[in-house]
Amino acid sequence: MLPAGRLVALECGSRIWLFLRRGRARNAHGATNAPSAFLKIAFQKIKMSPRARATAKSVTADVLIPEKLYFRIGEVSRLCHLPAYVLRFWETEFPQLKPVKSSTGQRMYRRKDVESVLRIKQLLYEEGFTIPGARQHLRSEVKGDKKQTPLPFPARPTSDLKYVRQGLRDILTMLSARR
Protein backbone atom coordinates (compact mmCIF):
# COMPACT_ATOMS: atom_id res chain seq x y z
CA MET A 1 0.00 0.00 0.00
CA LEU A 2 1.33 3.43 -0.91
CA PRO A 3 1.65 6.09 1.73
CA ALA A 4 -0.50 9.19 1.33
CA GLY A 5 1.08 12.11 -0.48
CA ARG A 6 1.26 13.96 -3.75
CA LEU A 7 1.76 11.89 -6.90
CA VAL A 8 4.11 13.24 -9.55
CA ALA A 9 4.55 11.60 -13.00
CA LEU A 10 7.67 11.91 -15.13
CA GLU A 11 8.01 10.40 -18.60
CA CYS A 12 11.52 9.28 -19.45
CA GLY A 13 12.24 7.21 -22.53
CA SER A 14 9.99 4.16 -22.65
CA ARG A 15 9.05 4.35 -18.98
CA ILE A 16 6.77 6.51 -16.89
CA TRP A 17 8.07 7.16 -13.39
CA LEU A 18 5.61 7.96 -10.63
CA PHE A 19 6.92 9.76 -7.58
CA LEU A 20 4.99 9.86 -4.33
CA ARG A 21 6.17 12.53 -1.93
CA ARG A 22 6.89 11.82 1.75
CA GLY A 23 7.43 8.09 1.45
CA ARG A 24 10.24 5.62 1.65
CA ALA A 25 11.72 4.46 -1.64
CA ARG A 26 10.64 0.94 -2.53
CA ASN A 27 11.96 -1.25 -5.28
CA ALA A 28 9.85 -3.40 -7.63
CA HIS A 29 9.62 -6.18 -5.01
CA GLY A 30 8.33 -3.86 -2.30
CA ALA A 31 11.53 -3.84 -0.25
CA THR A 32 12.20 -0.55 1.53
CA ASN A 33 15.46 1.22 0.78
CA ALA A 34 16.98 4.13 2.61
CA PRO A 35 14.52 6.90 3.54
CA SER A 36 13.76 9.12 0.59
CA ALA A 37 11.69 12.14 -0.23
CA PHE A 38 10.08 10.24 -3.11
CA LEU A 39 8.61 6.85 -3.75
CA LYS A 40 9.59 5.88 -7.27
CA ILE A 41 7.60 3.38 -9.33
CA ALA A 42 8.29 2.62 -12.99
CA PHE A 43 5.57 1.61 -15.40
CA GLN A 44 6.23 0.39 -18.90
CA LYS A 45 4.50 2.59 -21.47
CA ILE A 46 1.75 0.82 -23.33
CA LYS A 47 2.94 -0.15 -26.78
CA MET A 48 0.32 0.60 -29.40
CA SER A 49 0.18 -0.34 -33.03
CA PRO A 50 0.30 2.58 -35.49
CA ARG A 51 -3.35 1.97 -36.39
CA ALA A 52 -4.45 2.03 -32.73
CA ARG A 53 -2.35 5.14 -32.09
CA ALA A 54 -3.93 6.88 -35.10
CA THR A 55 -7.44 6.11 -33.93
CA ALA A 56 -6.64 7.13 -30.37
CA LYS A 57 -5.14 10.46 -31.44
CA SER A 58 -7.48 11.27 -34.29
CA VAL A 59 -9.50 14.10 -32.86
CA THR A 60 -9.72 16.03 -36.12
CA ALA A 61 -11.84 13.33 -37.74
CA ASP A 62 -14.48 13.78 -35.03
CA VAL A 63 -15.04 17.48 -35.71
CA LEU A 64 -18.48 18.23 -37.08
CA ILE A 65 -18.45 21.41 -39.17
CA PRO A 66 -21.84 23.19 -39.15
CA GLU A 67 -23.54 24.02 -42.44
CA LYS A 68 -22.70 27.72 -42.68
CA LEU A 69 -21.18 29.88 -45.38
CA TYR A 70 -18.71 31.73 -43.16
CA PHE A 71 -17.12 31.18 -39.75
CA ARG A 72 -15.43 33.80 -37.60
CA ILE A 73 -11.97 33.12 -36.24
CA GLY A 74 -13.35 32.44 -32.75
CA GLU A 75 -15.72 29.80 -34.10
CA VAL A 76 -12.93 28.11 -36.04
CA SER A 77 -10.75 28.29 -32.96
CA ARG A 78 -13.39 26.48 -30.89
CA LEU A 79 -14.14 23.93 -33.64
CA CYS A 80 -10.50 23.02 -34.15
CA HIS A 81 -9.40 23.37 -30.52
CA LEU A 82 -6.67 25.83 -31.47
CA PRO A 83 -5.90 29.33 -30.22
CA ALA A 84 -6.72 32.17 -32.61
CA TYR A 85 -3.06 33.25 -32.78
CA VAL A 86 -2.15 29.83 -34.20
CA LEU A 87 -4.73 30.28 -36.96
CA ARG A 88 -3.37 33.73 -37.77
CA PHE A 89 0.19 32.34 -37.86
CA TRP A 90 -0.84 29.48 -40.13
CA GLU A 91 -2.32 32.02 -42.55
CA THR A 92 1.20 33.36 -43.07
CA GLU A 93 2.73 29.89 -43.43
CA PHE A 94 0.23 28.05 -45.63
CA PRO A 95 -0.91 29.66 -48.89
CA GLN A 96 -3.96 27.35 -48.99
CA LEU A 97 -5.37 29.12 -45.94
CA LYS A 98 -6.78 32.46 -47.11
CA PRO A 99 -9.82 33.62 -45.16
CA VAL A 100 -11.61 36.64 -46.59
CA LYS A 101 -11.95 39.72 -44.42
CA SER A 102 -15.24 41.44 -43.80
CA SER A 103 -15.72 45.19 -44.12
CA THR A 104 -14.91 45.46 -40.40
CA GLY A 105 -11.67 43.51 -40.83
CA GLN A 106 -12.98 40.31 -39.20
CA ARG A 107 -11.52 37.12 -40.68
CA MET A 108 -14.24 35.03 -42.28
CA TYR A 109 -13.34 31.39 -42.90
CA ARG A 110 -15.21 29.31 -45.46
CA ARG A 111 -15.88 25.60 -44.99
CA LYS A 112 -12.92 24.84 -47.28
CA ASP A 113 -10.67 26.91 -44.99
CA VAL A 114 -11.89 25.07 -41.88
CA GLU A 115 -11.20 21.73 -43.57
CA SER A 116 -7.71 23.00 -44.47
CA VAL A 117 -7.10 24.01 -40.84
CA LEU A 118 -8.12 20.54 -39.67
CA ARG A 119 -5.84 18.90 -42.25
CA ILE A 120 -2.92 21.13 -41.25
CA LYS A 121 -3.54 20.34 -37.59
CA GLN A 122 -3.56 16.63 -38.37
CA LEU A 123 -0.30 16.86 -40.29
CA LEU A 124 1.47 18.93 -37.64
CA TYR A 125 0.13 17.52 -34.39
CA GLU A 126 -0.74 13.91 -35.18
CA GLU A 127 1.56 12.90 -38.03
CA GLY A 128 4.55 14.89 -36.77
CA PHE A 129 5.28 16.98 -39.87
CA THR A 130 7.27 20.19 -39.62
CA ILE A 131 5.64 23.32 -41.05
CA PRO A 132 7.71 23.23 -44.28
CA GLY A 133 7.09 19.48 -44.55
CA ALA A 134 3.34 19.93 -44.10
CA ARG A 135 3.34 22.75 -46.66
CA GLN A 136 5.11 20.50 -49.18
CA HIS A 137 2.80 17.56 -48.40
CA LEU A 138 -0.30 19.71 -48.96
CA ARG A 139 1.16 21.00 -52.22
CA SER A 140 1.73 17.42 -53.42
CA GLU A 141 -1.84 16.47 -52.41
CA VAL A 142 -3.20 19.31 -54.54
CA LYS A 143 -1.03 18.25 -57.49
CA GLY A 144 -2.33 14.70 -57.14
CA ASP A 145 -5.91 15.94 -57.22
CA LYS A 146 -5.33 17.92 -60.44
CA LYS A 147 -4.27 14.85 -62.40
CA GLN A 148 -7.24 13.55 -64.34
CA THR A 149 -7.79 9.92 -64.89
CA PRO A 150 -8.62 8.96 -68.45
CA LEU A 151 -12.25 8.24 -69.20
CA PRO A 152 -12.90 4.54 -69.55
CA PHE A 153 -14.27 4.42 -73.08
CA PRO A 154 -15.58 0.98 -73.96
CA ALA A 155 -13.43 -0.75 -76.50
CA ARG A 156 -15.51 -0.90 -79.69
CA PRO A 157 -14.75 -3.38 -82.37
CA THR A 158 -13.48 -1.83 -85.58
CA SER A 159 -16.40 -3.31 -87.51
CA ASP A 160 -18.84 -1.09 -85.53
CA LEU A 161 -16.73 1.96 -86.29
CA LYS A 162 -16.54 1.08 -89.96
CA TYR A 163 -20.32 0.69 -90.05
CA VAL A 164 -20.87 4.12 -88.42
CA ARG A 165 -18.29 5.73 -90.69
CA GLN A 166 -19.98 4.24 -93.79
CA GLY A 167 -23.37 5.50 -92.61
CA LEU A 168 -21.98 9.03 -92.20
CA ARG A 169 -20.46 8.90 -95.70
CA ASP A 170 -23.84 7.83 -97.13
CA ILE A 171 -25.53 10.77 -95.42
CA LEU A 172 -22.83 13.11 -96.73
CA THR A 173 -23.28 11.88 -100.33
CA MET A 174 -27.08 12.32 -100.06
CA LEU A 175 -26.64 15.89 -98.80
CA SER A 176 -24.05 16.79 -101.41
CA ALA A 177 -26.28 15.36 -104.23
CA ARG A 178 -29.09 17.80 -103.29
CA ARG A 179 -26.96 20.85 -103.97
C-alpha atoms as a PDB file:
ATOM      1  CA  MET A   1       0.000   0.000   0.000  1.00  0.00           C
ATOM      2  CA  LEU A   2       1.329   3.427  -0.912  1.00  0.00           C
ATOM      3  CA  PRO A   3       1.649   6.089   1.728  1.00  0.00           C
ATOM      4  CA  ALA A   4      -0.497   9.190   1.335  1.00  0.00           C
ATOM      5  CA  GLY A   5       1.075  12.109  -0.477  1.00  0.00           C
ATOM      6  CA  ARG A   6       1.262  13.964  -3.747  1.00  0.00           C
ATOM      7  CA  LEU A   7       1.759  11.887  -6.897  1.00  0.00           C
ATOM      8  CA  VAL A   8       4.114  13.241  -9.549  1.00  0.00           C
ATOM      9  CA  ALA A   9       4.552  11.599 -13.000  1.00  0.00           C
ATOM     10  CA  LEU A  10       7.674  11.912 -15.131  1.00  0.00           C
ATOM     11  CA  GLU A  11       8.009  10.400 -18.598  1.00  0.00           C
ATOM     12  CA  CYS A  12      11.521   9.275 -19.454  1.00  0.00           C
ATOM     13  CA  GLY A  13      12.239   7.213 -22.534  1.00  0.00           C
ATOM     14  CA  SER A  14       9.991   4.163 -22.651  1.00  0.00           C
ATOM     15  CA  ARG A  15       9.046   4.348 -18.976  1.00  0.00           C
ATOM     16  CA  ILE A  16       6.766   6.514 -16.890  1.00  0.00           C
ATOM     17  CA  TRP A  17       8.073   7.160 -13.390  1.00  0.00           C
ATOM     18  CA  LEU A  18       5.608   7.957 -10.632  1.00  0.00           C
ATOM     19  CA  PHE A  19       6.922   9.761  -7.577  1.00  0.00           C
ATOM     20  CA  LEU A  20       4.986   9.863  -4.332  1.00  0.00           C
ATOM     21  CA  ARG A  21       6.175  12.534  -1.926  1.00  0.00           C
ATOM     22  CA  ARG A  22       6.894  11.817   1.751  1.00  0.00           C
ATOM     23  CA  GLY A  23       7.429   8.094   1.454  1.00  0.00           C
ATOM     24  CA  ARG A  24      10.240   5.618   1.653  1.00  0.00           C
ATOM     25  CA  ALA A  25      11.716   4.456  -1.638  1.00  0.00           C
ATOM     26  CA  ARG A  26      10.637   0.941  -2.527  1.00  0.00           C
ATOM     27  CA  ASN A  27      11.962  -1.245  -5.281  1.00  0.00           C
ATOM     28  CA  ALA A  28       9.851  -3.401  -7.634  1.00  0.00           C
ATOM     29  CA  HIS A  29       9.617  -6.176  -5.009  1.00  0.00           C
ATOM     30  CA  GLY A  30       8.334  -3.856  -2.297  1.00  0.00           C
ATOM     31  CA  ALA A  31      11.533  -3.836  -0.249  1.00  0.00           C
ATOM     32  CA  THR A  32      12.202  -0.550   1.526  1.00  0.00           C
ATOM     33  CA  ASN A  33      15.456   1.218   0.776  1.00  0.00           C
ATOM     34  CA  ALA A  34      16.977   4.134   2.614  1.00  0.00           C
ATOM     35  CA  PRO A  35      14.515   6.903   3.542  1.00  0.00           C
ATOM     36  CA  SER A  36      13.763   9.115   0.586  1.00  0.00           C
ATOM     37  CA  ALA A  37      11.694  12.137  -0.227  1.00  0.00           C
ATOM     38  CA  PHE A  38      10.080  10.242  -3.115  1.00  0.00           C
ATOM     39  CA  LEU A  39       8.607   6.848  -3.753  1.00  0.00           C
ATOM     40  CA  LYS A  40       9.592   5.880  -7.271  1.00  0.00           C
ATOM     41  CA  ILE A  41       7.595   3.384  -9.332  1.00  0.00           C
ATOM     42  CA  ALA A  42       8.286   2.617 -12.990  1.00  0.00           C
ATOM     43  CA  PHE A  43       5.574   1.610 -15.399  1.00  0.00           C
ATOM     44  CA  GLN A  44       6.230   0.391 -18.895  1.00  0.00           C
ATOM     45  CA  LYS A  45       4.501   2.587 -21.470  1.00  0.00           C
ATOM     46  CA  ILE A  46       1.747   0.818 -23.332  1.00  0.00           C
ATOM     47  CA  LYS A  47       2.938  -0.154 -26.776  1.00  0.00           C
ATOM     48  CA  MET A  48       0.320   0.602 -29.404  1.00  0.00           C
ATOM     49  CA  SER A  49       0.178  -0.341 -33.029  1.00  0.00           C
ATOM     50  CA  PRO A  50       0.298   2.582 -35.490  1.00  0.00           C
ATOM     51  CA  ARG A  51      -3.355   1.974 -36.385  1.00  0.00           C
ATOM     52  CA  ALA A  52      -4.451   2.027 -32.730  1.00  0.00           C
ATOM     53  CA  ARG A  53      -2.354   5.136 -32.095  1.00  0.00           C
ATOM     54  CA  ALA A  54      -3.925   6.881 -35.104  1.00  0.00           C
ATOM     55  CA  THR A  55      -7.443   6.109 -33.931  1.00  0.00           C
ATOM     56  CA  ALA A  56      -6.638   7.134 -30.370  1.00  0.00           C
ATOM     57  CA  LYS A  57      -5.137  10.461 -31.440  1.00  0.00           C
ATOM     58  CA  SER A  58      -7.479  11.265 -34.293  1.00  0.00           C
ATOM     59  CA  VAL A  59      -9.499  14.097 -32.856  1.00  0.00           C
ATOM     60  CA  THR A  60      -9.719  16.028 -36.120  1.00  0.00           C
ATOM     61  CA  ALA A  61     -11.838  13.326 -37.741  1.00  0.00           C
ATOM     62  CA  ASP A  62     -14.476  13.778 -35.026  1.00  0.00           C
ATOM     63  CA  VAL A  63     -15.042  17.484 -35.715  1.00  0.00           C
ATOM     64  CA  LEU A  64     -18.485  18.229 -37.078  1.00  0.00           C
ATOM     65  CA  ILE A  65     -18.452  21.407 -39.173  1.00  0.00           C
ATOM     66  CA  PRO A  66     -21.841  23.186 -39.153  1.00  0.00           C
ATOM     67  CA  GLU A  67     -23.543  24.022 -42.443  1.00  0.00           C
ATOM     68  CA  LYS A  68     -22.695  27.720 -42.677  1.00  0.00           C
ATOM     69  CA  LEU A  69     -21.184  29.882 -45.384  1.00  0.00           C
ATOM     70  CA  TYR A  70     -18.708  31.728 -43.156  1.00  0.00           C
ATOM     71  CA  PHE A  71     -17.123  31.178 -39.753  1.00  0.00           C
ATOM     72  CA  ARG A  72     -15.432  33.801 -37.601  1.00  0.00           C
ATOM     73  CA  ILE A  73     -11.970  33.115 -36.236  1.00  0.00           C
ATOM     74  CA  GLY A  74     -13.350  32.437 -32.754  1.00  0.00           C
ATOM     75  CA  GLU A  75     -15.724  29.801 -34.103  1.00  0.00           C
ATOM     76  CA  VAL A  76     -12.927  28.112 -36.043  1.00  0.00           C
ATOM     77  CA  SER A  77     -10.751  28.293 -32.961  1.00  0.00           C
ATOM     78  CA  ARG A  78     -13.385  26.477 -30.892  1.00  0.00           C
ATOM     79  CA  LEU A  79     -14.140  23.928 -33.641  1.00  0.00           C
ATOM     80  CA  CYS A  80     -10.503  23.020 -34.150  1.00  0.00           C
ATOM     81  CA  HIS A  81      -9.403  23.371 -30.515  1.00  0.00           C
ATOM     82  CA  LEU A  82      -6.665  25.829 -31.471  1.00  0.00           C
ATOM     83  CA  PRO A  83      -5.903  29.333 -30.219  1.00  0.00           C
ATOM     84  CA  ALA A  84      -6.717  32.172 -32.612  1.00  0.00           C
ATOM     85  CA  TYR A  85      -3.065  33.253 -32.778  1.00  0.00           C
ATOM     86  CA  VAL A  86      -2.149  29.827 -34.201  1.00  0.00           C
ATOM     87  CA  LEU A  87      -4.730  30.275 -36.961  1.00  0.00           C
ATOM     88  CA  ARG A  88      -3.367  33.735 -37.765  1.00  0.00           C
ATOM     89  CA  PHE A  89       0.190  32.338 -37.857  1.00  0.00           C
ATOM     90  CA  TRP A  90      -0.840  29.477 -40.135  1.00  0.00           C
ATOM     91  CA  GLU A  91      -2.320  32.023 -42.553  1.00  0.00           C
ATOM     92  CA  THR A  92       1.203  33.360 -43.069  1.00  0.00           C
ATOM     93  CA  GLU A  93       2.734  29.888 -43.425  1.00  0.00           C
ATOM     94  CA  PHE A  94       0.228  28.049 -45.626  1.00  0.00           C
ATOM     95  CA  PRO A  95      -0.910  29.656 -48.890  1.00  0.00           C
ATOM     96  CA  GLN A  96      -3.963  27.348 -48.988  1.00  0.00           C
ATOM     97  CA  LEU A  97      -5.369  29.119 -45.941  1.00  0.00           C
ATOM     98  CA  LYS A  98      -6.784  32.461 -47.108  1.00  0.00           C
ATOM     99  CA  PRO A  99      -9.819  33.622 -45.162  1.00  0.00           C
ATOM    100  CA  VAL A 100     -11.609  36.635 -46.589  1.00  0.00           C
ATOM    101  CA  LYS A 101     -11.949  39.719 -44.424  1.00  0.00           C
ATOM    102  CA  SER A 102     -15.243  41.438 -43.800  1.00  0.00           C
ATOM    103  CA  SER A 103     -15.715  45.189 -44.115  1.00  0.00           C
ATOM    104  CA  THR A 104     -14.910  45.464 -40.404  1.00  0.00           C
ATOM    105  CA  GLY A 105     -11.668  43.509 -40.828  1.00  0.00           C
ATOM    106  CA  GLN A 106     -12.982  40.308 -39.201  1.00  0.00           C
ATOM    107  CA  ARG A 107     -11.518  37.122 -40.681  1.00  0.00           C
ATOM    108  CA  MET A 108     -14.245  35.027 -42.277  1.00  0.00           C
ATOM    109  CA  TYR A 109     -13.344  31.392 -42.904  1.00  0.00           C
ATOM    110  CA  ARG A 110     -15.214  29.306 -45.463  1.00  0.00           C
ATOM    111  CA  ARG A 111     -15.877  25.600 -44.994  1.00  0.00           C
ATOM    112  CA  LYS A 112     -12.921  24.837 -47.277  1.00  0.00           C
ATOM    113  CA  ASP A 113     -10.672  26.908 -44.987  1.00  0.00           C
ATOM    114  CA  VAL A 114     -11.891  25.066 -41.883  1.00  0.00           C
ATOM    115  CA  GLU A 115     -11.197  21.728 -43.568  1.00  0.00           C
ATOM    116  CA  SER A 116      -7.715  23.004 -44.467  1.00  0.00           C
ATOM    117  CA  VAL A 117      -7.102  24.008 -40.844  1.00  0.00           C
ATOM    118  CA  LEU A 118      -8.124  20.542 -39.673  1.00  0.00           C
ATOM    119  CA  ARG A 119      -5.842  18.901 -42.250  1.00  0.00           C
ATOM    120  CA  ILE A 120      -2.915  21.130 -41.252  1.00  0.00           C
ATOM    121  CA  LYS A 121      -3.545  20.343 -37.589  1.00  0.00           C
ATOM    122  CA  GLN A 122      -3.564  16.633 -38.370  1.00  0.00           C
ATOM    123  CA  LEU A 123      -0.296  16.857 -40.294  1.00  0.00           C
ATOM    124  CA  LEU A 124       1.473  18.931 -37.642  1.00  0.00           C
ATOM    125  CA  TYR A 125       0.131  17.523 -34.391  1.00  0.00           C
ATOM    126  CA  GLU A 126      -0.736  13.913 -35.183  1.00  0.00           C
ATOM    127  CA  GLU A 127       1.557  12.901 -38.027  1.00  0.00           C
ATOM    128  CA  GLY A 128       4.550  14.887 -36.774  1.00  0.00           C
ATOM    129  CA  PHE A 129       5.285  16.980 -39.874  1.00  0.00           C
ATOM    130  CA  THR A 130       7.266  20.191 -39.624  1.00  0.00           C
ATOM    131  CA  ILE A 131       5.644  23.318 -41.051  1.00  0.00           C
ATOM    132  CA  PRO A 132       7.710  23.234 -44.281  1.00  0.00           C
ATOM    133  CA  GLY A 133       7.090  19.479 -44.554  1.00  0.00           C
ATOM    134  CA  ALA A 134       3.342  19.932 -44.101  1.00  0.00           C
ATOM    135  CA  ARG A 135       3.337  22.746 -46.665  1.00  0.00           C
ATOM    136  CA  GLN A 136       5.114  20.497 -49.182  1.00  0.00           C
ATOM    137  CA  HIS A 137       2.796  17.564 -48.404  1.00  0.00           C
ATOM    138  CA  LEU A 138      -0.303  19.713 -48.957  1.00  0.00           C
ATOM    139  CA  ARG A 139       1.162  20.996 -52.220  1.00  0.00           C
ATOM    140  CA  SER A 140       1.731  17.418 -53.424  1.00  0.00           C
ATOM    141  CA  GLU A 141      -1.837  16.467 -52.406  1.00  0.00           C
ATOM    142  CA  VAL A 142      -3.201  19.310 -54.537  1.00  0.00           C
ATOM    143  CA  LYS A 143      -1.035  18.253 -57.490  1.00  0.00           C
ATOM    144  CA  GLY A 144      -2.330  14.700 -57.143  1.00  0.00           C
ATOM    145  CA  ASP A 145      -5.909  15.942 -57.221  1.00  0.00           C
ATOM    146  CA  LYS A 146      -5.334  17.915 -60.439  1.00  0.00           C
ATOM    147  CA  LYS A 147      -4.273  14.847 -62.400  1.00  0.00           C
ATOM    148  CA  GLN A 148      -7.243  13.555 -64.339  1.00  0.00           C
ATOM    149  CA  THR A 149      -7.793   9.918 -64.888  1.00  0.00           C
ATOM    150  CA  PRO A 150      -8.623   8.957 -68.452  1.00  0.00           C
ATOM    151  CA  LEU A 151     -12.255   8.235 -69.200  1.00  0.00           C
ATOM    152  CA  PRO A 152     -12.903   4.540 -69.545  1.00  0.00           C
ATOM    153  CA  PHE A 153     -14.273   4.421 -73.076  1.00  0.00           C
ATOM    154  CA  PRO A 154     -15.582   0.984 -73.958  1.00  0.00           C
ATOM    155  CA  ALA A 155     -13.434  -0.749 -76.501  1.00  0.00           C
ATOM    156  CA  ARG A 156     -15.505  -0.905 -79.687  1.00  0.00           C
ATOM    157  CA  PRO A 157     -14.749  -3.385 -82.368  1.00  0.00           C
ATOM    158  CA  THR A 158     -13.479  -1.827 -85.580  1.00  0.00           C
ATOM    159  CA  SER A 159     -16.403  -3.310 -87.513  1.00  0.00           C
ATOM    160  CA  ASP A 160     -18.837  -1.089 -85.526  1.00  0.00           C
ATOM    161  CA  LEU A 161     -16.729   1.959 -86.288  1.00  0.00           C
ATOM    162  CA  LYS A 162     -16.544   1.083 -89.959  1.00  0.00           C
ATOM    163  CA  TYR A 163     -20.323   0.687 -90.047  1.00  0.00           C
ATOM    164  CA  VAL A 164     -20.874   4.122 -88.424  1.00  0.00           C
ATOM    165  CA  ARG A 165     -18.287   5.726 -90.694  1.00  0.00           C
ATOM    166  CA  GLN A 166     -19.976   4.240 -93.786  1.00  0.00           C
ATOM    167  CA  GLY A 167     -23.373   5.503 -92.605  1.00  0.00           C
ATOM    168  CA  LEU A 168     -21.976   9.026 -92.201  1.00  0.00           C
ATOM    169  CA  ARG A 169     -20.461   8.896 -95.697  1.00  0.00           C
ATOM    170  CA  ASP A 170     -23.838   7.829 -97.128  1.00  0.00           C
ATOM    171  CA  ILE A 171     -25.533  10.770 -95.418  1.00  0.00           C
ATOM    172  CA  LEU A 172     -22.832  13.110 -96.732  1.00  0.00           C
ATOM    173  CA  THR A 173     -23.285  11.882-100.325  1.00  0.00           C
ATOM    174  CA  MET A 174     -27.085  12.321-100.057  1.00  0.00           C
ATOM    175  CA  LEU A 175     -26.645  15.894 -98.798  1.00  0.00           C
ATOM    176  CA  SER A 176     -24.047  16.789-101.409  1.00  0.00           C
ATOM    177  CA  ALA A 177     -26.280  15.364-104.225  1.00  0.00           C
ATOM    178  CA  ARG A 178     -29.087  17.799-103.287  1.00  0.00           C
ATOM    179  CA  ARG A 179     -26.965  20.853-103.972  1.00  0.00           C
END
